[in-house]
Amino acid sequence: MNDKRARTHRAGTALLVVLIIVMAITILSLGFLSRSDVELACGENTILRTQMDYLAESGLEHARGLIVNPQDVSSEYWTGAEGLQLVPGSNDYYDVNVVKLGECNYQITCDAYRMKNGERIGSSRLTSELRLDPVIAFWAGGAWQSEVQTTVNGDVYCDGSLGGEGDINGDAFAKLGITALYIEGRKNENVTQSPVAWAGLDINDFSSTYYYGLTSHSVQDISSGVYSNCTFGSALSEPPEVFYCAGDIELAGGVTINGMLVVGQNMIVSDANSSSANVITAGKNFPALLVSGDAIMRTAGTLQVNGLAQIGNRINVDDAAENVDIDIVGGLYIANGEIDGVNGSSLSNSINITAAPAIASIEIWPTPGNPVRWTPCGGAFFRSIERN
């Protein structure tokens, strides 16, 4: 009887030990499984965060591409958009917001996120400042002695030497030496070529007809003579209107041109008949001014250009001219000369040139369906990228 009880006790003890071991193994297994689930979730979150970071960076590059190439947007510059996708039909989206800080600086914010059941399950936000550089505001087709009344807000290129006392608030590039006194940025002497290609507008492309895509349009002829207190063109015209004068034209004050002015010989700017400025505003993706000969400035002549201006020979300020005022926002490209005679007989003359690639960049069609693009911007870089 005692032996039987002993055997029964040993069997019960063994069963209890087995149950304890099974329970311990179960607890350890559940711990391993729980830890694996946590590590797997952490890994998935890390992958998701990395994917959203890369998507946000792609959004910044998307913005950079459209800012450098403003021809691809209908507005002056791309301000951003929401709900964009790299892969259509996926659950990953990004929103981009662009704020213009200056003519060559933009703040870009990109939010990248993944949607699931109507909720965002992962996101990444990057904020950056984009700097367009170099941007050639003024191109001189020869040597240039900048005069004290001249200010360039942007970079300068001279196909010769660069000297003088004008203010250059940017970098200077010259085919020969640089002795100019007031340069805010870097001096780049003896360069073999300009960092930006010559604008290359051809007056023959705008003398009778011009193309906009596949369609031919007639220019509006303007007779040689003196004009004042009048308006040409509509600011909202599409395609932009082109006004062509085969000979000399004088803008004597109060002349507003919405579109492109093309002058076959010389353009004279004066204040003979009005105290108001002469204003030329380019249409979207088109130049503002193309002059084959000289731009001649007379006393009290005021010229405001919004867009790209290309002059064949030079800008010449008459001897003893006073109160001359030139304000170009976009870019000024002079093929064969420079800006001459700004000093006049007093310090009342003023020429200001400001780089504005958003409105100076162009897309024209020398032949139907074959667009030619140009921009004064030679590059762009992110000055900072911050994760929020």
Protein backbone atom coordinates (compact mmCIF):
# COMPACT_ATOMS: atom_id res chain seq x y z
CA MET A 1 0.00 0.00 0.00
CA ASN A 2 2.81 2.40 0.89
CA ASP A 3 4.65 1.56 -2.33
CA LYS A 4 1.54 2.34 -4.33
CA ARG A 5 1.15 5.69 -2.62
CA ALA A 6 4.78 6.50 -3.21
CA ARG A 7 4.50 5.75 -6.93
CA THR A 8 1.34 7.91 -7.16
CA HIS A 9 3.13 10.80 -5.37
CA ARG A 10 6.13 10.61 -7.70
CA ALA A 11 3.81 10.65 -10.76
CA GLY A 12 1.97 13.70 -9.45
CA THR A 13 5.22 15.50 -8.76
CA ALA A 14 6.52 14.78 -12.26
CA LEU A 15 3.27 16.08 -13.77
CA LEU A 16 3.54 19.28 -11.72
CA VAL A 17 7.16 19.75 -12.85
CA VAL A 18 6.13 19.24 -16.48
CA LEU A 19 3.30 21.77 -16.11
CA ILE A 20 5.67 24.30 -14.55
CA ILE A 21 8.19 23.80 -17.38
CA VAL A 22 5.45 24.14 -20.02
CA MET A 23 4.15 27.29 -18.37
CA ALA A 24 7.68 28.76 -18.21
CA ILE A 25 8.27 27.95 -21.87
CA THR A 26 4.90 29.50 -22.73
CA ILE A 27 5.69 32.69 -20.83
CA LEU A 28 9.12 32.94 -22.43
CA SER A 29 7.63 32.30 -25.87
CA LEU A 30 4.97 34.97 -25.35
CA GLY A 31 7.70 37.38 -24.25
CA PHE A 32 9.75 36.64 -27.33
CA LEU A 33 6.68 37.02 -29.54
CA SER A 34 5.72 40.33 -27.89
CA ARG A 35 9.26 41.64 -28.22
CA SER A 36 9.38 40.54 -31.84
CA ASP A 37 6.09 42.34 -32.51
CA VAL A 38 7.47 45.51 -30.92
CA GLU A 39 10.71 45.28 -32.88
CA LEU A 40 8.76 44.58 -36.06
CA ALA A 41 6.53 47.63 -35.43
CA CYS A 42 9.60 49.75 -34.70
CA GLY A 43 11.17 48.52 -37.92
CA GLU A 44 8.04 49.31 -39.89
CA ASN A 45 7.87 52.78 -38.31
CA THR A 46 11.51 53.38 -39.16
CA ILE A 47 10.91 52.32 -42.75
CA LEU A 48 7.80 54.51 -42.92
CA ARG A 49 9.67 57.52 -41.53
CA THR A 50 12.53 56.98 -43.98
CA GLN A 51 10.11 56.68 -46.88
CA MET A 52 8.33 59.88 -45.83
CA ASP A 53 11.67 61.69 -45.46
CA TYR A 54 12.64 60.69 -48.98
CA LEU A 55 9.21 61.71 -50.26
CA ALA A 56 9.55 65.11 -48.59
CA GLU A 57 12.98 65.54 -50.19
CA SER A 58 11.41 64.68 -53.54
CA GLY A 59 8.87 67.42 -52.90
CA LEU A 60 11.69 69.92 -52.35
CA GLU A 61 13.29 68.84 -55.63
CA HIS A 62 9.91 69.17 -57.36
CA ALA A 63 9.69 72.75 -56.15
CA ARG A 64 13.26 73.52 -57.16
CA GLY A 65 12.65 72.27 -60.68
CA LEU A 66 9.60 74.50 -61.16
CA ILE A 67 11.23 77.55 -59.57
CA VAL A 68 14.26 77.24 -61.84
CA ASN A 69 11.91 76.70 -64.80
CA PRO A 70 9.00 79.11 -64.23
CA GLN A 71 7.93 78.62 -67.85
CA ASP A 72 6.14 75.46 -66.71
CA VAL A 73 3.64 77.26 -64.48
CA SER A 74 0.91 79.73 -65.36
CA SER A 75 1.67 82.12 -62.50
CA GLU A 76 4.81 84.20 -62.04
CA TYR A 77 6.32 81.44 -59.92
CA TRP A 78 5.10 78.15 -58.44
CA THR A 79 3.48 78.68 -55.05
CA GLY A 80 2.99 74.97 -54.35
CA ALA A 81 0.11 72.49 -54.31
CA GLU A 82 -1.53 69.86 -52.11
CA GLY A 83 -2.18 66.16 -52.52
CA LEU A 84 0.69 65.53 -54.95
CA GLN A 85 1.91 62.01 -55.63
CA LEU A 86 5.05 60.47 -57.06
CA VAL A 87 3.21 57.22 -57.75
CA PRO A 88 -0.41 57.71 -58.86
CA GLY A 89 -2.81 55.47 -57.00
CA SER A 90 -0.53 54.97 -53.99
CA ASN A 91 -1.33 56.00 -50.42
CA ASP A 92 1.61 58.41 -50.20
CA TYR A 93 1.11 62.16 -50.73
CA TYR A 94 2.98 65.40 -50.28
CA ASP A 95 1.98 69.05 -49.95
CA VAL A 96 4.32 71.86 -50.99
CA ASN A 97 4.17 75.51 -50.00
CA VAL A 98 6.50 78.07 -51.60
CA VAL A 99 7.00 81.59 -50.25
CA LYS A 100 9.05 84.12 -52.20
CA LEU A 101 11.60 85.77 -49.89
CA GLY A 102 13.23 87.83 -52.64
CA GLU A 103 13.76 87.70 -56.37
CA CYS A 104 16.32 84.91 -55.96
CA ASN A 105 15.33 83.34 -52.61
CA TYR A 106 12.41 81.08 -51.78
CA GLN A 107 11.25 79.29 -48.65
CA ILE A 108 9.88 75.83 -49.36
CA THR A 109 7.94 73.66 -46.92
CA CYS A 110 7.03 70.09 -47.83
CA ASP A 111 4.74 67.78 -45.83
CA ALA A 112 4.90 64.11 -46.84
CA TYR A 113 2.43 61.62 -45.41
CA ARG A 114 0.73 58.23 -45.85
CA MET A 115 -3.04 57.88 -45.73
CA LYS A 116 -4.86 54.83 -44.31
CA ASN A 117 -8.60 54.72 -43.73
CA GLY A 118 -8.76 58.48 -44.06
CA GLU A 119 -6.06 59.13 -41.46
CA ARG A 120 -2.40 60.04 -41.66
CA ILE A 121 -0.35 57.18 -40.22
CA GLY A 122 3.06 58.69 -40.87
CA SER A 123 4.45 62.07 -41.87
CA SER A 124 7.59 64.09 -42.37
CA ARG A 125 8.00 67.85 -42.77
CA LEU A 126 11.03 69.55 -44.27
CA THR A 127 11.57 73.31 -44.50
CA SER A 128 14.30 74.77 -46.68
CA GLU A 129 15.54 77.97 -48.26
CA LEU A 130 16.33 77.79 -51.97
CA ARG A 131 18.89 80.20 -53.41
CA LEU A 132 19.10 80.79 -57.16
CA ASP A 133 22.74 81.37 -58.03
CA PRO A 134 24.27 82.58 -60.24
CA VAL A 135 21.66 84.90 -61.73
CA ILE A 136 23.01 87.37 -64.29
CA ALA A 137 21.11 90.63 -63.88
CA PHE A 138 23.34 92.63 -66.23
CA TRP A 139 25.33 91.38 -69.23
CA ALA A 140 27.74 93.76 -71.00
CA GLY A 141 28.96 92.71 -74.41
CA GLY A 142 32.25 94.55 -73.86
CA ALA A 143 34.22 96.30 -71.14
CA TRP A 144 32.18 98.26 -68.60
CA GLN A 145 33.16 101.14 -66.36
CA SER A 146 30.26 101.18 -63.91
CA GLU A 147 29.32 104.68 -62.84
CA VAL A 148 28.39 105.70 -59.35
CA GLN A 149 24.71 106.19 -60.18
CA THR A 150 24.35 102.56 -61.29
CA THR A 151 23.20 99.77 -58.98
CA VAL A 152 22.95 96.12 -59.95
CA ASN A 153 21.06 93.83 -57.58
CA GLY A 154 22.29 90.50 -58.83
CA ASP A 155 25.29 89.12 -60.69
CA VAL A 156 27.16 90.81 -63.55
CA TYR A 157 29.01 89.46 -66.58
CA CYS A 158 31.34 91.54 -68.80
CA ASP A 159 32.78 90.28 -72.05
CA GLY A 160 35.86 92.37 -71.27
CA SER A 161 37.17 94.18 -68.20
CA LEU A 162 35.01 95.49 -65.36
CA GLY A 163 35.81 98.67 -63.46
CA GLY A 164 34.15 101.72 -62.01
CA GLU A 165 32.32 102.77 -58.88
CA GLY A 166 28.83 101.40 -59.36
CA ASP A 167 27.27 99.15 -56.73
CA ILE A 168 27.19 95.46 -57.65
CA ASN A 169 25.19 93.57 -55.04
CA GLY A 170 26.17 90.15 -56.24
CA ASP A 171 29.01 88.28 -57.93
CA ALA A 172 31.05 89.70 -60.81
CA PHE A 173 32.27 87.69 -63.79
CA ALA A 174 34.60 89.21 -66.40
CA LYS A 175 36.45 87.87 -69.41
CA LEU A 176 39.40 90.07 -68.42
CA GLY A 177 40.34 91.79 -65.16
CA ILE A 178 38.11 93.33 -62.48
CA THR A 179 38.97 96.65 -60.84
CA ALA A 180 35.45 97.70 -59.83
CA LEU A 181 35.43 99.07 -56.29
CA TYR A 182 32.07 98.04 -54.89
CA ILE A 183 31.30 94.37 -55.38
CA GLU A 184 29.39 92.61 -52.62
CA GLY A 185 30.03 89.08 -53.84
CA ARG A 186 32.91 87.17 -55.41
CA LYS A 187 35.19 88.46 -58.16
CA ASN A 188 35.65 85.98 -60.99
CA GLU A 189 38.31 87.24 -63.40
CA ASN A 190 39.49 85.82 -66.72
CA VAL A 191 36.52 83.51 -67.05
CA THR A 192 36.37 81.59 -70.32
CA GLN A 193 32.61 81.87 -70.64
CA SER A 194 29.63 83.38 -68.93
CA PRO A 195 27.85 81.22 -66.34
CA VAL A 196 24.64 81.94 -68.26
CA ALA A 197 24.15 81.78 -72.01
CA TRP A 198 23.48 84.94 -74.03
CA ALA A 199 19.75 85.60 -74.32
CA GLY A 200 19.98 85.49 -78.12
CA LEU A 201 16.75 87.21 -79.14
CA ASP A 202 16.50 87.69 -82.91
CA ILE A 203 14.54 90.69 -84.18
CA ASN A 204 13.58 88.74 -87.30
CA ASP A 205 11.49 86.43 -85.16
CA PHE A 206 9.26 89.37 -84.18
CA SER A 207 9.31 91.74 -87.17
CA SER A 208 6.11 90.63 -88.90
CA THR A 209 4.74 87.48 -87.29
CA TYR A 210 5.65 85.40 -84.28
CA TYR A 211 4.68 81.94 -83.10
CA TYR A 212 3.00 80.92 -79.89
CA GLY A 213 3.10 77.14 -79.88
CA LEU A 214 1.92 76.02 -83.29
CA THR A 215 -0.02 79.17 -84.08
CA SER A 216 1.27 82.18 -86.01
CA HIS A 217 0.27 85.66 -84.82
CA SER A 218 0.76 89.05 -86.45
CA VAL A 219 2.74 91.72 -84.67
CA GLN A 220 1.12 95.11 -84.18
CA ASP A 221 3.05 97.67 -86.22
CA ILE A 222 3.91 101.02 -84.65
CA SER A 223 5.01 103.87 -86.89
CA SER A 224 8.24 105.70 -86.16
CA GLY A 225 7.62 108.83 -84.13
CA VAL A 226 7.02 110.30 -80.71
CA TYR A 227 4.49 108.72 -78.33
CA SER A 228 3.23 109.93 -74.96
CA ASN A 229 0.32 109.30 -72.58
CA CYS A 230 -0.92 106.18 -74.34
CA THR A 231 -1.33 102.46 -73.69
CA PHE A 232 -0.54 99.54 -75.94
CA GLY A 233 -1.87 96.06 -75.24
CA SER A 234 -3.79 94.30 -72.51
CA ALA A 235 -2.07 93.08 -69.38
CA LEU A 236 -4.02 89.80 -69.51
CA SER A 237 -3.44 89.05 -73.18
CA GLU A 238 -2.63 85.47 -74.18
CA PRO A 239 -0.56 85.03 -76.18
CA PRO A 240 1.42 88.12 -75.16
CA GLU A 241 1.15 90.91 -77.70
CA VAL A 242 4.16 92.08 -79.71
CA PHE A 243 4.52 95.70 -80.87
CA TYR A 244 7.03 96.37 -83.64
CA CYS A 245 8.55 99.63 -84.83
CA ALA A 246 10.85 99.28 -87.85
CA GLY A 247 12.59 102.66 -87.32
CA ASP A 248 13.28 104.94 -84.36
CA ILE A 249 10.70 105.40 -81.63
CA GLU A 250 10.56 107.97 -78.85
CA LEU A 251 8.76 107.26 -75.60
CA ALA A 252 8.07 110.77 -74.34
CA GLY A 253 6.40 109.91 -71.03
CA GLY A 254 3.23 108.21 -69.91
CA VAL A 255 3.59 105.32 -72.36
CA THR A 256 2.41 101.94 -71.05
CA ILE A 257 3.17 98.81 -73.05
CA ASN A 258 1.66 95.52 -71.91
CA GLY A 259 3.58 92.99 -73.94
CA MET A 260 6.80 93.10 -75.93
CA LEU A 261 8.25 96.18 -77.64
CA VAL A 262 10.53 95.48 -80.61
CA VAL A 263 12.48 98.40 -82.11
CA GLY A 264 14.27 98.02 -85.44
CA GLN A 265 16.64 100.95 -84.88
CA ASN A 266 16.93 103.23 -81.82
CA MET A 267 14.66 103.80 -78.84
CA ILE A 268 14.65 107.28 -77.30
CA VAL A 269 13.28 107.87 -73.81
CA SER A 270 12.42 111.42 -72.84
CA ASP A 271 9.99 113.51 -70.85
CA ALA A 272 8.95 115.83 -73.64
CA ASN A 273 5.19 115.55 -73.21
CA SER A 274 4.50 113.98 -69.84
CA SER A 275 5.83 113.72 -66.30
CA SER A 276 4.80 110.07 -66.04
CA ALA A 277 7.13 107.11 -66.45
CA ASN A 278 7.27 104.93 -69.53
CA VAL A 279 6.47 101.38 -68.41
CA ILE A 280 6.97 98.12 -70.32
CA THR A 281 5.65 94.91 -68.75
CA ALA A 282 6.37 91.56 -70.35
CA GLY A 283 3.71 88.93 -70.90
CA LYS A 284 4.16 85.51 -69.36
CA ASN A 285 7.27 83.75 -70.77
CA PHE A 286 7.96 86.53 -73.29
CA PRO A 287 10.64 89.25 -73.27
CA ALA A 288 9.73 92.83 -72.48
CA LEU A 289 12.07 94.82 -74.75
CA LEU A 290 14.20 94.13 -77.82
CA VAL A 291 16.09 97.06 -79.38
CA SER A 292 18.32 96.56 -82.40
CA GLY A 293 20.30 99.80 -81.98
CA ASP A 294 20.79 102.13 -79.01
CA ALA A 295 18.58 103.04 -76.10
CA ILE A 296 19.05 106.81 -75.79
CA MET A 297 18.13 108.55 -72.55
CA ARG A 298 17.37 112.28 -72.46
CA THR A 299 16.76 114.67 -69.58
CA ALA A 300 14.01 113.47 -67.22
CA GLY A 301 13.50 110.34 -69.28
CA THR A 302 12.05 107.58 -67.11
CA LEU A 303 11.90 103.94 -68.15
CA GLN A 304 10.58 101.02 -66.14
CA VAL A 305 10.95 97.53 -67.58
CA ASN A 306 9.47 94.43 -65.96
CA GLY A 307 11.01 91.44 -67.69
CA LEU A 308 13.96 90.76 -69.98
CA ALA A 309 15.45 93.66 -71.95
CA GLN A 310 17.97 93.06 -74.75
CA ILE A 311 19.76 96.03 -76.36
CA GLY A 312 21.79 95.67 -79.54
CA ASN A 313 24.41 98.37 -79.03
CA ARG A 314 24.34 100.29 -75.76
CA ILE A 315 22.37 102.47 -73.38
CA ASN A 316 23.54 106.03 -73.99
CA VAL A 317 22.69 108.90 -71.67
CA ASP A 318 22.86 112.24 -73.48
CA ASP A 319 25.56 114.71 -72.48
CA ALA A 320 24.32 117.03 -69.71
CA ALA A 321 21.18 114.92 -69.25
CA GLU A 322 19.72 115.12 -65.75
CA ASN A 323 17.05 113.26 -63.76
CA VAL A 324 17.34 110.19 -65.96
CA ASP A 325 15.77 107.18 -64.25
CA ILE A 326 16.00 103.59 -65.49
CA ASP A 327 14.54 100.79 -63.39
CA ILE A 328 14.76 97.27 -64.85
CA VAL A 329 13.40 94.32 -62.88
CA GLY A 330 14.22 91.12 -64.72
CA GLY A 331 17.48 91.40 -66.62
CA LEU A 332 19.38 93.72 -68.97
CA TYR A 333 21.50 92.19 -71.74
CA ILE A 334 23.50 94.49 -74.00
CA ALA A 335 25.08 92.78 -77.00
CA ASN A 336 27.86 95.05 -78.20
CA GLY A 337 28.41 97.73 -75.58
CA GLU A 338 27.66 99.00 -72.12
CA ILE A 339 25.79 101.68 -70.18
CA ASP A 340 27.46 104.96 -71.09
CA GLY A 341 27.22 108.53 -69.85
CA VAL A 342 25.14 107.98 -66.75
CA ASN A 343 27.04 110.70 -64.90
CA GLY A 344 25.63 113.47 -67.06
CA SER A 345 26.21 116.84 -65.41
CA SER A 346 24.91 115.88 -61.96
CA LEU A 347 24.25 112.96 -59.66
CA SER A 348 20.53 113.09 -60.36
CA ASN A 349 20.66 110.22 -62.88
CA SER A 350 19.91 106.71 -61.66
CA ILE A 351 20.00 103.23 -63.17
CA ASN A 352 18.83 100.24 -61.14
CA ILE A 353 18.91 96.70 -62.49
CA THR A 354 17.44 93.91 -60.39
CA ALA A 355 17.68 90.22 -61.20
CA ALA A 356 14.22 88.62 -61.35
CA PRO A 357 14.46 85.21 -63.02
CA ALA A 358 10.78 84.45 -62.46
CA ILE A 359 9.77 87.13 -64.97
CA ALA A 360 12.93 87.25 -67.09
CA SER A 361 12.82 83.56 -68.06
CA ILE A 362 11.34 83.08 -71.52
CA GLU A 363 9.91 80.46 -73.85
CA ILE A 364 9.56 81.54 -77.48
CA TRP A 365 8.98 79.74 -80.77
CA PRO A 366 11.31 80.76 -83.64
CA THR A 367 9.60 77.98 -85.60
CA PRO A 368 6.17 76.48 -84.94
CA GLY A 369 6.08 73.80 -82.27
CA ASN A 370 9.80 74.08 -81.43
CA PRO A 371 10.14 76.17 -78.29
CA VAL A 372 13.39 77.77 -77.21
CA ARG A 373 13.84 78.34 -73.50
CA TRP A 374 16.21 80.69 -71.75
CA THR A 375 16.73 81.79 -68.17
CA PRO A 376 19.19 84.15 -66.47
CA CYS A 377 19.55 81.57 -63.70
CA GLY A 378 22.61 79.35 -63.88
CA GLY A 379 21.81 77.11 -60.92
CA ALA A 380 20.11 76.68 -57.56
CA PHE A 381 21.01 75.20 -54.19
CA PHE A 382 19.38 74.65 -50.81
CA ARG A 383 20.99 76.90 -48.22
CA SER A 384 19.41 74.93 -45.38
CA ILE A 385 17.09 71.97 -44.86
CA GLU A 386 15.42 71.51 -41.48
CA ARG A 387 13.18 68.71 -40.24
CA ASN A 388 10.20 69.94 -38.21
